[in-house]
Amino acid sequence: MVLPDVAATEALGRALGTLLRAGDVVALFGDLGAGKTSLARGALAALGLAGEAPSPTFAIVQPYAPPEVALPVAHVDLYRLDAPGDADELGLDEMLDDGALLIEWPERLGDALWRHAIRLTLAPDAGGGRRLTWIAPAAWEARWPPLLPPASPR
């Protein structure tokens, strides 16, 4: 799937946000500037977050809870972790009891990434936008990919 611009990336994020359930893990792979945060911001907007979500690069975990959003969700950026075991202190498993995780740089978890996570990868596309590829586990098969609204004319 090609996402021609930031607006399309955020629109996909909004579609993703409408699909999220408690226990879901969304693993966002891609290099710096690939659009991971834009996609997460779209998902958070769909869940009702007013205003732009800050990047969790320095906080590492940015939690959101009702009434700010419809579903508890944590936007996580693992870029600054040195080793997979460093994530143990973040309490991410507990957040899945009643909420969802949007995780940037999930490769920093090594083998500890949840098997039921949907894996979304953003990479530069030859046309200037981003190419999205994914691996959707059984828990996502009936939900992914979402039906997207038609692209708006430029």
C-alpha atoms as a PDB file:
ATOM      1  CA  MET A   1       0.000   0.000   0.000  1.00  0.00           C
ATOM      2  CA  VAL A   2       1.413   3.399  -0.961  1.00  0.00           C
ATOM      3  CA  LEU A   3       0.801   6.391   1.306  1.00  0.00           C
ATOM      4  CA  PRO A   4       1.583   9.441  -0.839  1.00  0.00           C
ATOM      5  CA  ASP A   5       1.933  11.967   1.989  1.00  0.00           C
ATOM      6  CA  VAL A   6       1.622  12.671   5.709  1.00  0.00           C
ATOM      7  CA  ALA A   7      -2.144  13.199   5.393  1.00  0.00           C
ATOM      8  CA  ALA A   8      -2.548   9.698   3.920  1.00  0.00           C
ATOM      9  CA  THR A   9      -0.369   8.235   6.683  1.00  0.00           C
ATOM     10  CA  GLU A  10      -2.488   9.929   9.341  1.00  0.00           C
ATOM     11  CA  ALA A  11      -5.679   8.771   7.582  1.00  0.00           C
ATOM     12  CA  LEU A  12      -4.456   5.182   7.731  1.00  0.00           C
ATOM     13  CA  GLY A  13      -3.693   5.738  11.411  1.00  0.00           C
ATOM     14  CA  ARG A  14      -7.251   6.988  11.960  1.00  0.00           C
ATOM     15  CA  ALA A  15      -8.601   3.855  10.253  1.00  0.00           C
ATOM     16  CA  LEU A  16      -6.330   1.759  12.476  1.00  0.00           C
ATOM     17  CA  GLY A  17      -7.521   3.590  15.591  1.00  0.00           C
ATOM     18  CA  THR A  18     -11.128   2.595  14.906  1.00  0.00           C
ATOM     19  CA  LEU A  19     -10.049  -1.069  14.882  1.00  0.00           C
ATOM     20  CA  LEU A  20      -8.113  -1.134  18.151  1.00  0.00           C
ATOM     21  CA  ARG A  21      -9.265  -3.336  21.021  1.00  0.00           C
ATOM     22  CA  ALA A  22      -7.947  -3.995  24.495  1.00  0.00           C
ATOM     23  CA  GLY A  23      -4.952  -6.310  24.270  1.00  0.00           C
ATOM     24  CA  ASP A  24      -3.850  -5.143  20.802  1.00  0.00           C
ATOM     25  CA  VAL A  25      -0.219  -4.415  20.017  1.00  0.00           C
ATOM     26  CA  VAL A  26       0.694  -2.401  16.936  1.00  0.00           C
ATOM     27  CA  ALA A  27       4.400  -2.661  16.115  1.00  0.00           C
ATOM     28  CA  LEU A  28       5.542   0.235  13.919  1.00  0.00           C
ATOM     29  CA  PHE A  29       8.772  -0.472  12.036  1.00  0.00           C
ATOM     30  CA  GLY A  30      10.694   2.006   9.879  1.00  0.00           C
ATOM     31  CA  ASP A  31      13.705   4.271   9.788  1.00  0.00           C
ATOM     32  CA  LEU A  32      13.816   7.777  11.271  1.00  0.00           C
ATOM     33  CA  GLY A  33      11.287   9.956   9.457  1.00  0.00           C
ATOM     34  CA  ALA A  34       9.389   6.996   7.998  1.00  0.00           C
ATOM     35  CA  GLY A  35       6.022   8.150   9.368  1.00  0.00           C
ATOM     36  CA  LYS A  36       5.620   5.961  12.457  1.00  0.00           C
ATOM     37  CA  THR A  37       4.654   8.880  14.690  1.00  0.00           C
ATOM     38  CA  SER A  38       2.253  10.272  12.072  1.00  0.00           C
ATOM     39  CA  LEU A  39       0.485   6.922  11.877  1.00  0.00           C
ATOM     40  CA  ALA A  40       0.277   6.712  15.678  1.00  0.00           C
ATOM     41  CA  ARG A  41      -1.058  10.285  15.863  1.00  0.00           C
ATOM     42  CA  GLY A  42      -3.824   9.354  13.435  1.00  0.00           C
ATOM     43  CA  ALA A  43      -4.777   6.351  15.588  1.00  0.00           C
ATOM     44  CA  LEU A  44      -4.853   8.496  18.716  1.00  0.00           C
ATOM     45  CA  ALA A  45      -7.002  11.099  16.950  1.00  0.00           C
ATOM     46  CA  ALA A  46      -9.497   8.373  15.993  1.00  0.00           C
ATOM     47  CA  LEU A  47      -9.665   7.377  19.647  1.00  0.00           C
ATOM     48  CA  GLY A  48     -10.653  10.950  20.511  1.00  0.00           C
ATOM     49  CA  LEU A  49      -7.388  12.653  21.427  1.00  0.00           C
ATOM     50  CA  ALA A  50      -7.793  16.384  20.911  1.00  0.00           C
ATOM     51  CA  GLY A  51      -4.709  18.123  19.590  1.00  0.00           C
ATOM     52  CA  GLU A  52      -1.472  16.615  18.344  1.00  0.00           C
ATOM     53  CA  ALA A  53       0.096  13.806  20.348  1.00  0.00           C
ATOM     54  CA  PRO A  54       3.705  14.498  21.293  1.00  0.00           C
ATOM     55  CA  SER A  55       6.385  12.070  20.174  1.00  0.00           C
ATOM     56  CA  PRO A  56       7.234   9.783  23.100  1.00  0.00           C
ATOM     57  CA  THR A  57      10.940   9.697  22.192  1.00  0.00           C
ATOM     58  CA  PHE A  58      12.087  11.208  25.489  1.00  0.00           C
ATOM     59  CA  ALA A  59       9.264   9.998  27.734  1.00  0.00           C
ATOM     60  CA  ILE A  60       9.510   6.508  26.168  1.00  0.00           C
ATOM     61  CA  VAL A  61       5.900   5.761  27.190  1.00  0.00           C
ATOM     62  CA  GLN A  62       3.102   8.279  26.723  1.00  0.00           C
ATOM     63  CA  PRO A  63      -0.104   6.827  28.227  1.00  0.00           C
ATOM     64  CA  TYR A  64      -3.595   8.014  27.338  1.00  0.00           C
ATOM     65  CA  ALA A  65      -6.733   7.085  29.248  1.00  0.00           C
ATOM     66  CA  PRO A  66     -10.472   7.847  29.147  1.00  0.00           C
ATOM     67  CA  PRO A  67     -12.005  10.361  28.967  1.00  0.00           C
ATOM     68  CA  GLU A  68      -9.104  11.730  26.895  1.00  0.00           C
ATOM     69  CA  VAL A  69      -9.433   8.717  24.563  1.00  0.00           C
ATOM     70  CA  ALA A  70     -12.073   6.003  24.119  1.00  0.00           C
ATOM     71  CA  LEU A  71      -9.658   3.143  24.880  1.00  0.00           C
ATOM     72  CA  PRO A  72      -6.614   3.248  27.157  1.00  0.00           C
ATOM     73  CA  VAL A  73      -3.575   3.261  24.892  1.00  0.00           C
ATOM     74  CA  ALA A  74       0.142   3.771  25.358  1.00  0.00           C
ATOM     75  CA  HIS A  75       2.246   5.323  22.607  1.00  0.00           C
ATOM     76  CA  VAL A  76       5.705   3.841  23.133  1.00  0.00           C
ATOM     77  CA  ASP A  77       9.032   4.756  21.524  1.00  0.00           C
ATOM     78  CA  LEU A  78      11.796   2.266  22.286  1.00  0.00           C
ATOM     79  CA  TYR A  79      14.506   4.013  20.256  1.00  0.00           C
ATOM     80  CA  ARG A  80      16.558   4.907  23.332  1.00  0.00           C
ATOM     81  CA  LEU A  81      16.582   1.395  24.843  1.00  0.00           C
ATOM     82  CA  ASP A  82      19.992  -0.233  24.927  1.00  0.00           C
ATOM     83  CA  ALA A  83      18.858  -3.839  25.425  1.00  0.00           C
ATOM     84  CA  PRO A  84      15.564  -5.755  25.148  1.00  0.00           C
ATOM     85  CA  GLY A  85      15.522  -6.365  28.911  1.00  0.00           C
ATOM     86  CA  ASP A  86      15.327  -2.610  29.507  1.00  0.00           C
ATOM     87  CA  ALA A  87      11.662  -2.748  28.457  1.00  0.00           C
ATOM     88  CA  ASP A  88      10.794  -4.975  31.438  1.00  0.00           C
ATOM     89  CA  GLU A  89      10.678  -1.909  33.688  1.00  0.00           C
ATOM     90  CA  LEU A  90       8.086  -0.148  31.504  1.00  0.00           C
ATOM     91  CA  GLY A  91       5.113  -2.309  32.543  1.00  0.00           C
ATOM     92  CA  LEU A  92       3.857  -2.763  28.991  1.00  0.00           C
ATOM     93  CA  ASP A  93       2.236  -6.147  29.709  1.00  0.00           C
ATOM     94  CA  GLU A  94       0.027  -4.581  32.387  1.00  0.00           C
ATOM     95  CA  MET A  95      -1.129  -1.904  29.951  1.00  0.00           C
ATOM     96  CA  LEU A  96      -2.591  -4.630  27.725  1.00  0.00           C
ATOM     97  CA  ASP A  97      -5.049  -5.745  30.411  1.00  0.00           C
ATOM     98  CA  ASP A  98      -7.508  -3.031  29.396  1.00  0.00           C
ATOM     99  CA  GLY A  99      -5.727  -1.101  26.661  1.00  0.00           C
ATOM    100  CA  ALA A 100      -3.591  -1.208  23.531  1.00  0.00           C
ATOM    101  CA  LEU A 101       0.007  -0.408  22.633  1.00  0.00           C
ATOM    102  CA  LEU A 102       1.345   1.578  19.682  1.00  0.00           C
ATOM    103  CA  ILE A 103       5.079   0.789  19.660  1.00  0.00           C
ATOM    104  CA  GLU A 104       7.700   2.590  17.601  1.00  0.00           C
ATOM    105  CA  TRP A 105      11.064   0.820  17.237  1.00  0.00           C
ATOM    106  CA  PRO A 106       9.645  -2.555  18.350  1.00  0.00           C
ATOM    107  CA  GLU A 107      12.791  -4.302  17.078  1.00  0.00           C
ATOM    108  CA  ARG A 108      14.427  -3.064  20.308  1.00  0.00           C
ATOM    109  CA  LEU A 109      12.337  -5.714  22.111  1.00  0.00           C
ATOM    110  CA  GLY A 110      14.124  -8.531  20.280  1.00  0.00           C
ATOM    111  CA  ASP A 111      12.283 -11.822  20.745  1.00  0.00           C
ATOM    112  CA  ALA A 112      10.046 -10.263  23.422  1.00  0.00           C
ATOM    113  CA  LEU A 113       7.700  -8.649  20.863  1.00  0.00           C
ATOM    114  CA  TRP A 114       4.243 -10.108  21.356  1.00  0.00           C
ATOM    115  CA  ARG A 115       3.312 -12.809  18.826  1.00  0.00           C
ATOM    116  CA  HIS A 116      -0.171 -11.343  18.402  1.00  0.00           C
ATOM    117  CA  ALA A 117       1.222  -7.914  17.410  1.00  0.00           C
ATOM    118  CA  ILE A 118       0.364  -6.579  13.986  1.00  0.00           C
ATOM    119  CA  ARG A 119       3.632  -5.546  12.342  1.00  0.00           C
ATOM    120  CA  LEU A 120       3.440  -2.459  10.141  1.00  0.00           C
ATOM    121  CA  THR A 121       6.533  -1.362   8.228  1.00  0.00           C
ATOM    122  CA  LEU A 122       6.889   2.058   6.615  1.00  0.00           C
ATOM    123  CA  ALA A 123       9.613   2.666   4.025  1.00  0.00           C
ATOM    124  CA  PRO A 124      10.298   5.370   1.413  1.00  0.00           C
ATOM    125  CA  ASP A 125       8.509   4.834  -1.895  1.00  0.00           C
ATOM    126  CA  ALA A 126      10.023   5.729  -5.259  1.00  0.00           C
ATOM    127  CA  GLY A 127       7.182   8.224  -5.814  1.00  0.00           C
ATOM    128  CA  GLY A 128       8.120  10.259  -2.747  1.00  0.00           C
ATOM    129  CA  GLY A 129       5.576   8.894  -0.304  1.00  0.00           C
ATOM    130  CA  ARG A 130       5.756   5.873   1.956  1.00  0.00           C
ATOM    131  CA  ARG A 131       5.149   2.209   1.230  1.00  0.00           C
ATOM    132  CA  LEU A 132       3.337   0.287   3.957  1.00  0.00           C
ATOM    133  CA  THR A 133       3.739  -3.454   4.290  1.00  0.00           C
ATOM    134  CA  TRP A 134       2.407  -5.601   7.105  1.00  0.00           C
ATOM    135  CA  ILE A 135       2.265  -8.953   8.787  1.00  0.00           C
ATOM    136  CA  ALA A 136      -1.146  -9.481  10.356  1.00  0.00           C
ATOM    137  CA  PRO A 137      -1.523 -12.364  12.830  1.00  0.00           C
ATOM    138  CA  ALA A 138      -4.756 -14.332  13.167  1.00  0.00           C
ATOM    139  CA  ALA A 139      -6.192 -11.824  15.666  1.00  0.00           C
ATOM    140  CA  TRP A 140      -6.067  -9.173  12.912  1.00  0.00           C
ATOM    141  CA  GLU A 141      -7.083 -11.188   9.826  1.00  0.00           C
ATOM    142  CA  ALA A 142     -10.726 -10.077   9.872  1.00  0.00           C
ATOM    143  CA  ARG A 143      -9.814  -6.451  10.681  1.00  0.00           C
ATOM    144  CA  TRP A 144      -6.797  -5.687   8.492  1.00  0.00           C
ATOM    145  CA  PRO A 145      -6.349  -3.950   6.123  1.00  0.00           C
ATOM    146  CA  PRO A 146      -9.064  -1.420   6.888  1.00  0.00           C
ATOM    147  CA  LEU A 147     -11.264   0.109   4.249  1.00  0.00           C
ATOM    148  CA  LEU A 148      -9.873   3.555   3.641  1.00  0.00           C
ATOM    149  CA  PRO A 149     -11.774   6.585   2.387  1.00  0.00           C
ATOM    150  CA  PRO A 150     -10.838   7.628  -1.154  1.00  0.00           C
ATOM    151  CA  ALA A 151      -7.837   9.928  -1.389  1.00  0.00           C
ATOM    152  CA  SER A 152      -8.740  13.587  -1.541  1.00  0.00           C
ATOM    153  CA  PRO A 153      -7.854  15.414  -4.763  1.00  0.00           C
ATOM    154  CA  ARG A 154      -4.787  17.610  -4.581  1.00  0.00           C
END
